[in-house]
Amino acid sequence: MNPLFDSKFETDDAELAVVLTSVEYVALKNFLEDLWQKYQPRIGSDEIGFRADLKAQPFPRIWEMYLAVALVESEFDVAHKPNRGPDLKLVNPTIWVEAVSSTDGNKNGKQIQPSAATPEVLLPPVSSGPPEGDIILRYLTSIDEKMKKLLGYDDRKGKWHPGYIERGIVNHSEPYVIALNTYKTSFALYDHQHTPNHLPTIAKSVFGYGNSGRVSSDRWEYEYRSHVINRSDAKVSADIFFQEAYSSLSALILSKGGFCMWQQGIQESLSENFMVIRNPLAKNRLPQIWLKSGHEIWIEGGQLHKRIWRNGNEHLVESFPLPYNMPPDIKAKLP
């Protein structure tokens, strides 16, 4: 088997270039090569396309590879990569997983804020840089991109492009999951998503959480925010998991993992940094007990719950109130 990165490989990704050339990152390079040894047999003839994309978009392809191996090591039955359709197909039962990596949206691909090499627990709150709304917009843009792949879309010329369901690749009764990696989004690493008593930014992107205020020593209340404003002054929905248009999306997997975090030390479980966010209005729901690793967020009984898994066992469950001024018609639809 040929290595993932041979002596002729070149990249415009400054971080990856350092990883491949510096002796300081030998362990990380070996880790990526080990992932490739495990992933390559599953993609078969798609290796040519994978390698071509690796040169053009290295981190998204590396995230796809990491995700596949993480799910295999979590004992999911991952089929060989389909010739068309989403990136990953889990079988018994069938669940489709589409990988995507969010960025700052800059054409040159450069981040405003370099990726942090500091563990989350040591990161200070950010008082400058892009507001939280900008991060939410980047997440929502990436999610929308993959929803169009599933459902189809009109291009700027008004031409309809059928999605996976219409093309008969994904059955309308099969769960569809978007796996979003946020490592290349500036300031995303400062979101203490794994910190107790903290509501992650992704929850504010899909569940309509807005500004918060303390109402007692241990309790916060949140305003309802249906949308954020983009740079064109257009409204972008920030409560997509309460909308029928997104009911085909069963859940999100979110990860902040990337080069710097992997360099700090490879986790025993590759999925330990994953967060599963379940869509309460999904047409096709994931099994009640699914990944059993990292974090999990869901809505039930009029509250948002955040569960931490460790070594396959439930470690901690926290609950957060739903936004106090949530529209009654939305609240009535929730489980």
C-alpha atoms as a PDB file:
ATOM      1  CA  MET A   1       0.000   0.000   0.000  1.00  0.00           C
ATOM      2  CA  ASN A   2       1.334   3.421  -0.945  1.00  0.00           C
ATOM      3  CA  PRO A   3       1.706   5.938   1.908  1.00  0.00           C
ATOM      4  CA  LEU A   4      -0.777   8.760   2.242  1.00  0.00           C
ATOM      5  CA  PHE A   5       1.941  11.383   1.925  1.00  0.00           C
ATOM      6  CA  ASP A   6       4.833  10.484  -0.377  1.00  0.00           C
ATOM      7  CA  SER A   7       7.904  12.622  -1.110  1.00  0.00           C
ATOM      8  CA  LYS A   8       6.098  14.338  -4.015  1.00  0.00           C
ATOM      9  CA  PHE A   9       3.090  15.487  -2.002  1.00  0.00           C
ATOM     10  CA  GLU A  10       2.647  19.264  -1.852  1.00  0.00           C
ATOM     11  CA  THR A  11       0.029  21.298  -0.045  1.00  0.00           C
ATOM     12  CA  ASP A  12      -1.016  24.921   0.449  1.00  0.00           C
ATOM     13  CA  ASP A  13      -2.194  24.088   3.977  1.00  0.00           C
ATOM     14  CA  ALA A  14       0.531  25.698   6.099  1.00  0.00           C
ATOM     15  CA  GLU A  15      -0.217  23.546   9.143  1.00  0.00           C
ATOM     16  CA  LEU A  16      -0.081  20.299   7.209  1.00  0.00           C
ATOM     17  CA  ALA A  17       3.140  21.367   5.478  1.00  0.00           C
ATOM     18  CA  VAL A  18       4.790  21.787   8.895  1.00  0.00           C
ATOM     19  CA  VAL A  19       3.450  18.426  10.065  1.00  0.00           C
ATOM     20  CA  LEU A  20       4.980  16.685   7.060  1.00  0.00           C
ATOM     21  CA  THR A  21       8.400  18.353   7.240  1.00  0.00           C
ATOM     22  CA  SER A  22       9.176  18.975  10.920  1.00  0.00           C
ATOM     23  CA  VAL A  23      10.730  16.316  13.165  1.00  0.00           C
ATOM     24  CA  GLU A  24       8.595  17.739  15.961  1.00  0.00           C
ATOM     25  CA  TYR A  25       5.522  16.241  14.301  1.00  0.00           C
ATOM     26  CA  VAL A  26       6.800  12.774  13.407  1.00  0.00           C
ATOM     27  CA  ALA A  27       4.331  11.115  15.784  1.00  0.00           C
ATOM     28  CA  LEU A  28       1.410  13.052  14.270  1.00  0.00           C
ATOM     29  CA  LYS A  29       2.482  12.201  10.727  1.00  0.00           C
ATOM     30  CA  ASN A  30       2.726   8.539  11.720  1.00  0.00           C
ATOM     31  CA  PHE A  31      -0.746   8.780  13.254  1.00  0.00           C
ATOM     32  CA  LEU A  32      -2.178  10.084   9.973  1.00  0.00           C
ATOM     33  CA  GLU A  33      -0.415   7.326   8.045  1.00  0.00           C
ATOM     34  CA  ASP A  34      -1.871   4.763  10.459  1.00  0.00           C
ATOM     35  CA  LEU A  35      -5.362   6.145   9.827  1.00  0.00           C
ATOM     36  CA  TRP A  36      -4.704   5.767   6.103  1.00  0.00           C
ATOM     37  CA  GLN A  37      -3.678   2.121   6.509  1.00  0.00           C
ATOM     38  CA  LYS A  38      -7.034   1.466   8.150  1.00  0.00           C
ATOM     39  CA  TYR A  39      -9.106   3.619   5.796  1.00  0.00           C
ATOM     40  CA  GLN A  40      -7.653   2.816   2.368  1.00  0.00           C
ATOM     41  CA  PRO A  41      -9.045  -0.750   2.137  1.00  0.00           C
ATOM     42  CA  ARG A  42     -12.537   0.711   2.574  1.00  0.00           C
ATOM     43  CA  ILE A  43     -12.439   3.125  -0.353  1.00  0.00           C
ATOM     44  CA  GLY A  44     -11.115   0.826  -3.110  1.00  0.00           C
ATOM     45  CA  SER A  45     -11.289   2.444  -6.524  1.00  0.00           C
ATOM     46  CA  ASP A  46     -12.140   5.813  -4.974  1.00  0.00           C
ATOM     47  CA  GLU A  47      -8.516   6.180  -3.856  1.00  0.00           C
ATOM     48  CA  ILE A  48      -7.668   8.172  -6.994  1.00  0.00           C
ATOM     49  CA  GLY A  49     -10.409  10.682  -6.270  1.00  0.00           C
ATOM     50  CA  PHE A  50      -9.502  10.805  -2.597  1.00  0.00           C
ATOM     51  CA  ARG A  51      -5.872  11.602  -3.377  1.00  0.00           C
ATOM     52  CA  ALA A  52      -6.859  14.295  -5.882  1.00  0.00           C
ATOM     53  CA  ASP A  53      -9.094  15.918  -3.274  1.00  0.00           C
ATOM     54  CA  LEU A  54      -6.357  15.559  -0.665  1.00  0.00           C
ATOM     55  CA  LYS A  55      -4.152  17.923  -2.653  1.00  0.00           C
ATOM     56  CA  ALA A  56      -6.939  20.453  -3.190  1.00  0.00           C
ATOM     57  CA  GLN A  57      -8.675  20.173   0.211  1.00  0.00           C
ATOM     58  CA  PRO A  58      -6.417  18.252   2.584  1.00  0.00           C
ATOM     59  CA  PHE A  59      -8.134  18.805   5.911  1.00  0.00           C
ATOM     60  CA  PRO A  60     -11.697  17.897   4.793  1.00  0.00           C
ATOM     61  CA  ARG A  61     -10.391  14.610   3.385  1.00  0.00           C
ATOM     62  CA  ILE A  62      -8.353  13.916   6.520  1.00  0.00           C
ATOM     63  CA  TRP A  63     -11.465  14.595   8.615  1.00  0.00           C
ATOM     64  CA  GLU A  64     -13.447  12.149   6.462  1.00  0.00           C
ATOM     65  CA  MET A  65     -10.733   9.515   7.005  1.00  0.00           C
ATOM     66  CA  TYR A  66     -10.538  10.153  10.762  1.00  0.00           C
ATOM     67  CA  LEU A  67     -14.333   9.972  11.064  1.00  0.00           C
ATOM     68  CA  ALA A  68     -14.549   6.638   9.243  1.00  0.00           C
ATOM     69  CA  VAL A  69     -11.847   5.015  11.363  1.00  0.00           C
ATOM     70  CA  ALA A  70     -13.360   6.440  14.565  1.00  0.00           C
ATOM     71  CA  LEU A  71     -16.744   4.899  13.750  1.00  0.00           C
ATOM     72  CA  VAL A  72     -15.173   1.551  12.856  1.00  0.00           C
ATOM     73  CA  GLU A  73     -13.300   1.541  16.161  1.00  0.00           C
ATOM     74  CA  SER A  74     -16.596   2.379  17.897  1.00  0.00           C
ATOM     75  CA  GLU A  75     -17.817  -0.974  16.539  1.00  0.00           C
ATOM     76  CA  PHE A  76     -20.106   0.358  13.819  1.00  0.00           C
ATOM     77  CA  ASP A  77     -20.382  -1.699  10.664  1.00  0.00           C
ATOM     78  CA  VAL A  78     -19.036   0.762   8.088  1.00  0.00           C
ATOM     79  CA  ALA A  79     -19.546  -0.350   4.485  1.00  0.00           C
ATOM     80  CA  HIS A  80     -17.020   0.199   1.720  1.00  0.00           C
ATOM     81  CA  LYS A  81     -17.253   3.766   0.440  1.00  0.00           C
ATOM     82  CA  PRO A  82     -20.178   4.056  -1.992  1.00  0.00           C
ATOM     83  CA  ASN A  83     -19.410   5.054  -5.583  1.00  0.00           C
ATOM     84  CA  ARG A  84     -21.878   7.904  -5.175  1.00  0.00           C
ATOM     85  CA  GLY A  85     -23.725   9.552  -2.338  1.00  0.00           C
ATOM     86  CA  PRO A  86     -22.706  10.447   1.226  1.00  0.00           C
ATOM     87  CA  ASP A  87     -19.183   9.801   2.479  1.00  0.00           C
ATOM     88  CA  LEU A  88     -20.036   6.943   4.841  1.00  0.00           C
ATOM     89  CA  LYS A  89     -22.690   4.272   4.993  1.00  0.00           C
ATOM     90  CA  LEU A  90     -23.271   2.412   8.241  1.00  0.00           C
ATOM     91  CA  VAL A  91     -25.166  -0.852   7.935  1.00  0.00           C
ATOM     92  CA  ASN A  92     -27.259  -2.956  10.329  1.00  0.00           C
ATOM     93  CA  PRO A  93     -29.060  -0.543  10.528  1.00  0.00           C
ATOM     94  CA  THR A  94     -28.416   1.719   7.549  1.00  0.00           C
ATOM     95  CA  ILE A  95     -27.341   5.211   8.599  1.00  0.00           C
ATOM     96  CA  TRP A  96     -25.736   7.672   6.181  1.00  0.00           C
ATOM     97  CA  VAL A  97     -23.020  10.045   7.391  1.00  0.00           C
ATOM     98  CA  GLU A  98     -21.771  13.049   5.418  1.00  0.00           C
ATOM     99  CA  ALA A  99     -18.513  14.711   6.506  1.00  0.00           C
ATOM    100  CA  VAL A 100     -17.888  18.450   6.235  1.00  0.00           C
ATOM    101  CA  SER A 101     -15.289  20.864   7.623  1.00  0.00           C
ATOM    102  CA  SER A 102     -16.323  24.454   8.345  1.00  0.00           C
ATOM    103  CA  THR A 103     -13.958  27.351   7.652  1.00  0.00           C
ATOM    104  CA  ASP A 104     -14.032  31.132   7.951  1.00  0.00           C
ATOM    105  CA  GLY A 105     -15.410  31.340   4.427  1.00  0.00           C
ATOM    106  CA  ASN A 106     -12.350  33.167   3.100  1.00  0.00           C
ATOM    107  CA  LYS A 107     -11.402  32.413  -0.492  1.00  0.00           C
ATOM    108  CA  ASN A 108      -7.737  32.109   0.449  1.00  0.00           C
ATOM    109  CA  GLY A 109      -8.600  29.634   3.171  1.00  0.00           C
ATOM    110  CA  LYS A 110      -6.654  31.494   5.866  1.00  0.00           C
ATOM    111  CA  GLN A 111      -7.997  31.639   9.393  1.00  0.00           C
ATOM    112  CA  ILE A 112      -8.440  34.896  11.266  1.00  0.00           C
ATOM    113  CA  GLN A 113      -7.331  33.152  14.439  1.00  0.00           C
ATOM    114  CA  PRO A 114      -4.697  30.384  14.253  1.00  0.00           C
ATOM    115  CA  SER A 115      -5.733  26.990  15.581  1.00  0.00           C
ATOM    116  CA  ALA A 116      -5.138  26.837  19.306  1.00  0.00           C
ATOM    117  CA  ALA A 117      -2.629  24.306  20.641  1.00  0.00           C
ATOM    118  CA  THR A 118      -3.995  24.645  24.175  1.00  0.00           C
ATOM    119  CA  PRO A 119      -6.396  22.216  25.856  1.00  0.00           C
ATOM    120  CA  GLU A 120      -9.940  23.574  26.060  1.00  0.00           C
ATOM    121  CA  VAL A 121      -9.980  23.704  29.838  1.00  0.00           C
ATOM    122  CA  LEU A 122      -7.049  26.184  29.809  1.00  0.00           C
ATOM    123  CA  LEU A 123      -8.420  28.479  27.122  1.00  0.00           C
ATOM    124  CA  PRO A 124      -9.569  31.900  28.386  1.00  0.00           C
ATOM    125  CA  PRO A 125     -12.830  33.495  27.252  1.00  0.00           C
ATOM    126  CA  VAL A 126     -12.394  35.459  24.045  1.00  0.00           C
ATOM    127  CA  SER A 127     -13.155  39.175  24.369  1.00  0.00           C
ATOM    128  CA  SER A 128     -12.213  40.150  20.815  1.00  0.00           C
ATOM    129  CA  GLY A 129     -12.374  38.702  17.333  1.00  0.00           C
ATOM    130  CA  PRO A 130     -15.457  37.443  15.484  1.00  0.00           C
ATOM    131  CA  PRO A 131     -18.661  37.503  17.536  1.00  0.00           C
ATOM    132  CA  GLU A 132     -20.419  34.276  18.355  1.00  0.00           C
ATOM    133  CA  GLY A 133     -22.863  34.998  15.531  1.00  0.00           C
ATOM    134  CA  ASP A 134     -20.088  34.661  12.957  1.00  0.00           C
ATOM    135  CA  ILE A 135     -19.170  31.206  14.221  1.00  0.00           C
ATOM    136  CA  ILE A 136     -22.833  30.190  14.164  1.00  0.00           C
ATOM    137  CA  LEU A 137     -23.107  31.389  10.559  1.00  0.00           C
ATOM    138  CA  ARG A 138     -20.121  29.260   9.521  1.00  0.00           C
ATOM    139  CA  TYR A 139     -21.661  26.192  11.156  1.00  0.00           C
ATOM    140  CA  LEU A 140     -25.030  26.810   9.511  1.00  0.00           C
ATOM    141  CA  THR A 141     -23.441  27.377   6.095  1.00  0.00           C
ATOM    142  CA  SER A 142     -21.685  24.003   6.286  1.00  0.00           C
ATOM    143  CA  ILE A 143     -24.837  22.221   7.430  1.00  0.00           C
ATOM    144  CA  ASP A 144     -26.900  23.818   4.660  1.00  0.00           C
ATOM    145  CA  GLU A 145     -24.330  22.758   2.062  1.00  0.00           C
ATOM    146  CA  LYS A 146     -24.808  19.107   2.992  1.00  0.00           C
ATOM    147  CA  MET A 147     -28.582  19.384   3.287  1.00  0.00           C
ATOM    148  CA  LYS A 148     -28.637  20.528  -0.330  1.00  0.00           C
ATOM    149  CA  LYS A 149     -26.722  17.371  -1.236  1.00  0.00           C
ATOM    150  CA  LEU A 150     -29.495  15.331   0.396  1.00  0.00           C
ATOM    151  CA  LEU A 151     -32.592  17.225  -0.754  1.00  0.00           C
ATOM    152  CA  GLY A 152     -31.432  18.913  -3.977  1.00  0.00           C
ATOM    153  CA  TYR A 153     -31.212  22.598  -4.824  1.00  0.00           C
ATOM    154  CA  ASP A 154     -31.640  25.275  -7.493  1.00  0.00           C
ATOM    155  CA  ASP A 155     -28.418  26.864  -8.696  1.00  0.00           C
ATOM    156  CA  ARG A 156     -28.054  30.555  -9.522  1.00  0.00           C
ATOM    157  CA  LYS A 157     -29.341  29.940 -13.034  1.00  0.00           C
ATOM    158  CA  GLY A 158     -32.483  28.278 -11.733  1.00  0.00           C
ATOM    159  CA  LYS A 159     -31.415  24.766 -12.717  1.00  0.00           C
ATOM    160  CA  TRP A 160     -32.555  22.035 -10.344  1.00  0.00           C
ATOM    161  CA  HIS A 161     -29.931  19.603  -9.045  1.00  0.00           C
ATOM    162  CA  PRO A 162     -31.547  16.483  -7.532  1.00  0.00           C
ATOM    163  CA  GLY A 163     -30.303  15.301  -4.142  1.00  0.00           C
ATOM    164  CA  TYR A 164     -29.443  11.887  -2.788  1.00  0.00           C
ATOM    165  CA  ILE A 165     -33.071  11.039  -1.991  1.00  0.00           C
ATOM    166  CA  GLU A 166     -34.441  11.994  -5.406  1.00  0.00           C
ATOM    167  CA  ARG A 167     -31.620  10.111  -7.125  1.00  0.00           C
ATOM    168  CA  GLY A 168     -32.495   6.960  -5.188  1.00  0.00           C
ATOM    169  CA  ILE A 169     -29.196   6.803  -3.275  1.00  0.00           C
ATOM    170  CA  VAL A 170     -30.603   7.501   0.191  1.00  0.00           C
ATOM    171  CA  ASN A 171     -33.983   6.049   1.085  1.00  0.00           C
ATOM    172  CA  HIS A 172     -36.408   8.592   2.563  1.00  0.00           C
ATOM    173  CA  SER A 173     -36.761   6.343   5.630  1.00  0.00           C
ATOM    174  CA  GLU A 174     -33.012   6.125   6.397  1.00  0.00           C
ATOM    175  CA  PRO A 175     -31.275   8.330   9.001  1.00  0.00           C
ATOM    176  CA  TYR A 176     -28.911  10.987   7.646  1.00  0.00           C
ATOM    177  CA  VAL A 177     -26.198  12.487   9.850  1.00  0.00           C
ATOM    178  CA  ILE A 178     -23.890  15.420   9.095  1.00  0.00           C
ATOM    179  CA  ALA A 179     -20.470  15.191  10.758  1.00  0.00           C
ATOM    180  CA  LEU A 180     -19.177  18.749  11.161  1.00  0.00           C
ATOM    181  CA  ASN A 181     -15.542  19.428  12.026  1.00  0.00           C
ATOM    182  CA  THR A 182     -14.903  22.986  13.229  1.00  0.00           C
ATOM    183  CA  TYR A 183     -11.112  22.909  13.618  1.00  0.00           C
ATOM    184  CA  LYS A 184     -10.558  25.287  10.668  1.00  0.00           C
ATOM    185  CA  THR A 185     -13.082  27.847  11.943  1.00  0.00           C
ATOM    186  CA  SER A 186     -11.445  30.731  13.806  1.00  0.00           C
ATOM    187  CA  PHE A 187     -12.173  30.862  17.553  1.00  0.00           C
ATOM    188  CA  ALA A 188     -14.241  27.660  17.448  1.00  0.00           C
ATOM    189  CA  LEU A 189     -11.738  25.972  19.754  1.00  0.00           C
ATOM    190  CA  TYR A 190     -12.562  28.579  22.404  1.00  0.00           C
ATOM    191  CA  ASP A 191     -16.090  27.209  22.659  1.00  0.00           C
ATOM    192  CA  HIS A 192     -15.958  25.169  25.870  1.00  0.00           C
ATOM    193  CA  GLN A 193     -18.301  22.513  24.553  1.00  0.00           C
ATOM    194  CA  HIS A 194     -16.857  19.865  26.873  1.00  0.00           C
ATOM    195  CA  THR A 195     -16.937  22.079  29.975  1.00  0.00           C
ATOM    196  CA  PRO A 196     -19.628  21.372  32.605  1.00  0.00           C
ATOM    197  CA  ASN A 197     -22.478  23.900  32.921  1.00  0.00           C
ATOM    198  CA  HIS A 198     -21.691  25.359  29.503  1.00  0.00           C
ATOM    199  CA  LEU A 199     -24.125  25.448  26.597  1.00  0.00           C
ATOM    200  CA  PRO A 200     -22.086  24.791  23.419  1.00  0.00           C
ATOM    201  CA  THR A 201     -22.304  27.130  20.442  1.00  0.00           C
ATOM    202  CA  ILE A 202     -23.699  24.354  18.263  1.00  0.00           C
ATOM    203  CA  ALA A 203     -26.792  24.263  20.515  1.00  0.00           C
ATOM    204  CA  LYS A 204     -27.219  27.979  19.845  1.00  0.00           C
ATOM    205  CA  SER A 205     -26.965  27.245  16.123  1.00  0.00           C
ATOM    206  CA  VAL A 206     -29.797  24.714  15.913  1.00  0.00           C
ATOM    207  CA  PHE A 207     -32.029  25.141  18.987  1.00  0.00           C
ATOM    208  CA  GLY A 208     -32.670  28.905  18.972  1.00  0.00           C
ATOM    209  CA  TYR A 209     -30.725  29.820  22.100  1.00  0.00           C
ATOM    210  CA  GLY A 210     -29.859  33.501  22.323  1.00  0.00           C
ATOM    211  CA  ASN A 211     -28.539  35.775  25.068  1.00  0.00           C
ATOM    212  CA  SER A 212     -28.418  34.400  28.591  1.00  0.00           C
ATOM    213  CA  GLY A 213     -28.597  35.822  32.076  1.00  0.00           C
ATOM    214  CA  ARG A 214     -28.140  34.356  35.558  1.00  0.00           C
ATOM    215  CA  VAL A 215     -31.368  34.127  37.555  1.00  0.00           C
ATOM    216  CA  SER A 216     -29.805  32.362  40.557  1.00  0.00           C
ATOM    217  CA  SER A 217     -26.398  31.142  41.687  1.00  0.00           C
ATOM    218  CA  ASP A 218     -26.675  27.957  39.645  1.00  0.00           C
ATOM    219  CA  ARG A 219     -29.313  28.709  37.009  1.00  0.00           C
ATOM    220  CA  TRP A 220     -29.295  30.601  33.709  1.00  0.00           C
ATOM    221  CA  GLU A 221     -32.153  31.644  31.467  1.00  0.00           C
ATOM    222  CA  TYR A 222     -31.882  32.067  27.710  1.00  0.00           C
ATOM    223  CA  GLU A 223     -33.775  34.239  25.274  1.00  0.00           C
ATOM    224  CA  TYR A 224     -35.160  32.688  22.129  1.00  0.00           C
ATOM    225  CA  ARG A 225     -33.254  33.663  18.966  1.00  0.00           C
ATOM    226  CA  SER A 226     -34.803  32.432  15.740  1.00  0.00           C
ATOM    227  CA  HIS A 227     -32.056  33.777  13.470  1.00  0.00           C
ATOM    228  CA  VAL A 228     -28.718  35.524  13.120  1.00  0.00           C
ATOM    229  CA  ILE A 229     -27.819  38.184  10.558  1.00  0.00           C
ATOM    230  CA  ASN A 230     -25.195  37.497   7.894  1.00  0.00           C
ATOM    231  CA  ARG A 231     -22.872  39.983   6.194  1.00  0.00           C
ATOM    232  CA  SER A 232     -25.542  40.770   3.593  1.00  0.00           C
ATOM    233  CA  ASP A 233     -27.977  41.728   6.370  1.00  0.00           C
ATOM    234  CA  ALA A 234     -30.083  38.674   5.569  1.00  0.00           C
ATOM    235  CA  LYS A 235     -31.683  36.530   8.260  1.00  0.00           C
ATOM    236  CA  VAL A 236     -30.287  33.010   8.692  1.00  0.00           C
ATOM    237  CA  SER A 237     -32.307  30.593  10.819  1.00  0.00           C
ATOM    238  CA  ALA A 238     -30.614  29.545  14.055  1.00  0.00           C
ATOM    239  CA  ASP A 239     -33.406  27.162  15.118  1.00  0.00           C
ATOM    240  CA  ILE A 240     -33.130  24.709  12.230  1.00  0.00           C
ATOM    241  CA  PHE A 241     -33.852  21.670  14.418  1.00  0.00           C
ATOM    242  CA  PHE A 242     -37.333  23.086  15.002  1.00  0.00           C
ATOM    243  CA  GLN A 243     -38.102  23.333  11.278  1.00  0.00           C
ATOM    244  CA  GLU A 244     -39.811  20.817   9.019  1.00  0.00           C
ATOM    245  CA  ALA A 245     -37.310  21.635   6.244  1.00  0.00           C
ATOM    246  CA  TYR A 246     -34.559  20.008   8.346  1.00  0.00           C
ATOM    247  CA  SER A 247     -36.545  16.992   9.554  1.00  0.00           C
ATOM    248  CA  SER A 248     -34.582  14.748   7.156  1.00  0.00           C
ATOM    249  CA  LEU A 249     -31.460  15.491   9.197  1.00  0.00           C
ATOM    250  CA  SER A 250     -31.383  12.976  12.041  1.00  0.00           C
ATOM    251  CA  ALA A 251     -28.458  14.389  13.972  1.00  0.00           C
ATOM    252  CA  LEU A 252     -25.138  16.181  13.861  1.00  0.00           C
ATOM    253  CA  ILE A 253     -21.752  14.904  14.917  1.00  0.00           C
ATOM    254  CA  LEU A 254     -19.495  17.792  15.879  1.00  0.00           C
ATOM    255  CA  SER A 255     -15.749  17.653  16.492  1.00  0.00           C
ATOM    256  CA  LYS A 256     -13.092  20.297  17.126  1.00  0.00           C
ATOM    257  CA  GLY A 257     -10.299  17.769  16.548  1.00  0.00           C
ATOM    258  CA  GLY A 258      -7.424  18.665  14.222  1.00  0.00           C
ATOM    259  CA  PHE A 259      -3.667  18.755  13.854  1.00  0.00           C
ATOM    260  CA  CYS A 260      -2.797  20.680  17.024  1.00  0.00           C
ATOM    261  CA  MET A 261      -5.220  18.731  19.197  1.00  0.00           C
ATOM    262  CA  TRP A 262      -4.028  15.395  17.809  1.00  0.00           C
ATOM    263  CA  GLN A 263      -0.417  16.453  18.369  1.00  0.00           C
ATOM    264  CA  GLN A 264      -1.112  16.948  22.077  1.00  0.00           C
ATOM    265  CA  GLY A 265      -1.822  13.249  22.438  1.00  0.00           C
ATOM    266  CA  ILE A 266      -3.860  10.701  20.566  1.00  0.00           C
ATOM    267  CA  GLN A 267      -6.915   9.742  22.561  1.00  0.00           C
ATOM    268  CA  GLU A 268      -7.577   6.120  23.384  1.00  0.00           C
ATOM    269  CA  SER A 269     -10.962   6.509  21.718  1.00  0.00           C
ATOM    270  CA  LEU A 270     -10.935   8.503  18.470  1.00  0.00           C
ATOM    271  CA  SER A 271     -14.574   9.450  19.043  1.00  0.00           C
ATOM    272  CA  GLU A 272     -13.928  10.861  22.513  1.00  0.00           C
ATOM    273  CA  ASN A 273     -14.016  14.434  21.136  1.00  0.00           C
ATOM    274  CA  PHE A 274     -17.288  13.893  19.248  1.00  0.00           C
ATOM    275  CA  MET A 275     -20.546  15.527  20.209  1.00  0.00           C
ATOM    276  CA  VAL A 276     -23.812  14.041  18.918  1.00  0.00           C
ATOM    277  CA  ILE A 277     -26.674  16.559  18.640  1.00  0.00           C
ATOM    278  CA  ARG A 278     -29.996  14.838  18.014  1.00  0.00           C
ATOM    279  CA  ASN A 279     -32.771  16.501  16.016  1.00  0.00           C
ATOM    280  CA  PRO A 280     -35.960  16.323  18.138  1.00  0.00           C
ATOM    281  CA  LEU A 281     -38.166  16.569  15.019  1.00  0.00           C
ATOM    282  CA  ALA A 282     -36.225  14.087  12.882  1.00  0.00           C
ATOM    283  CA  LYS A 283     -38.318  11.839  10.655  1.00  0.00           C
ATOM    284  CA  ASN A 284     -35.743   9.091  11.039  1.00  0.00           C
ATOM    285  CA  ARG A 285     -34.168   9.021  14.481  1.00  0.00           C
ATOM    286  CA  LEU A 286     -30.961   7.355  15.536  1.00  0.00           C
ATOM    287  CA  PRO A 287     -31.204   4.418  17.954  1.00  0.00           C
ATOM    288  CA  GLN A 288     -31.820   5.604  21.502  1.00  0.00           C
ATOM    289  CA  ILE A 289     -28.376   4.419  22.573  1.00  0.00           C
ATOM    290  CA  TRP A 290     -25.961   5.046  19.733  1.00  0.00           C
ATOM    291  CA  LEU A 291     -22.329   6.235  19.847  1.00  0.00           C
ATOM    292  CA  LYS A 292     -21.768   6.028  23.639  1.00  0.00           C
ATOM    293  CA  SER A 293     -18.662   8.192  23.405  1.00  0.00           C
ATOM    294  CA  GLY A 294     -17.904  11.870  23.893  1.00  0.00           C
ATOM    295  CA  HIS A 295     -20.947  14.081  24.451  1.00  0.00           C
ATOM    296  CA  GLU A 296     -24.579  13.887  23.437  1.00  0.00           C
ATOM    297  CA  ILE A 297     -27.266  16.582  23.335  1.00  0.00           C
ATOM    298  CA  TRP A 298     -30.996  16.055  22.990  1.00  0.00           C
ATOM    299  CA  ILE A 299     -34.327  17.648  23.976  1.00  0.00           C
ATOM    300  CA  GLU A 300     -36.829  15.813  26.130  1.00  0.00           C
ATOM    301  CA  GLY A 301     -39.398  16.753  28.731  1.00  0.00           C
ATOM    302  CA  GLY A 302     -39.168  20.476  28.062  1.00  0.00           C
ATOM    303  CA  GLN A 303     -35.413  20.673  28.631  1.00  0.00           C
ATOM    304  CA  LEU A 304     -32.158  20.328  26.739  1.00  0.00           C
ATOM    305  CA  HIS A 305     -29.962  17.543  28.097  1.00  0.00           C
ATOM    306  CA  LYS A 306     -26.205  17.100  27.740  1.00  0.00           C
ATOM    307  CA  ARG A 307     -24.737  13.684  28.481  1.00  0.00           C
ATOM    308  CA  ILE A 308     -21.067  12.755  28.827  1.00  0.00           C
ATOM    309  CA  TRP A 309     -19.940   9.232  27.997  1.00  0.00           C
ATOM    310  CA  ARG A 310     -16.704   7.754  29.337  1.00  0.00           C
ATOM    311  CA  ASN A 311     -15.470   4.289  28.432  1.00  0.00           C
ATOM    312  CA  GLY A 312     -18.915   3.438  27.094  1.00  0.00           C
ATOM    313  CA  ASN A 313     -20.670   4.376  30.338  1.00  0.00           C
ATOM    314  CA  GLU A 314     -22.832   7.359  31.192  1.00  0.00           C
ATOM    315  CA  HIS A 315     -20.673   9.701  33.269  1.00  0.00           C
ATOM    316  CA  LEU A 316     -22.701  12.873  33.720  1.00  0.00           C
ATOM    317  CA  VAL A 317     -26.019  14.342  32.593  1.00  0.00           C
ATOM    318  CA  GLU A 318     -26.739  18.078  32.762  1.00  0.00           C
ATOM    319  CA  SER A 319     -29.993  19.824  31.900  1.00  0.00           C
ATOM    320  CA  PHE A 320     -30.615  23.322  30.574  1.00  0.00           C
ATOM    321  CA  PRO A 321     -33.945  25.175  30.361  1.00  0.00           C
ATOM    322  CA  LEU A 322     -35.305  25.857  26.903  1.00  0.00           C
ATOM    323  CA  PRO A 323     -35.439  29.554  25.919  1.00  0.00           C
ATOM    324  CA  TYR A 324     -38.064  31.152  28.155  1.00  0.00           C
ATOM    325  CA  ASN A 325     -39.853  32.993  25.322  1.00  0.00           C
ATOM    326  CA  MET A 326     -39.863  30.135  22.829  1.00  0.00           C
ATOM    327  CA  PRO A 327     -42.985  30.322  20.609  1.00  0.00           C
ATOM    328  CA  PRO A 328     -45.711  28.023  21.989  1.00  0.00           C
ATOM    329  CA  ASP A 329     -46.308  26.334  18.623  1.00  0.00           C
ATOM    330  CA  ILE A 330     -42.661  25.201  18.527  1.00  0.00           C
ATOM    331  CA  LYS A 331     -42.626  24.075  22.129  1.00  0.00           C
ATOM    332  CA  ALA A 332     -45.766  22.017  21.522  1.00  0.00           C
ATOM    333  CA  LYS A 333     -43.985  19.964  18.845  1.00  0.00           C
ATOM    334  CA  LEU A 334     -41.067  18.942  21.041  1.00  0.00           C
ATOM    335  CA  PRO A 335     -40.820  15.555  22.767  1.00  0.00           C
END
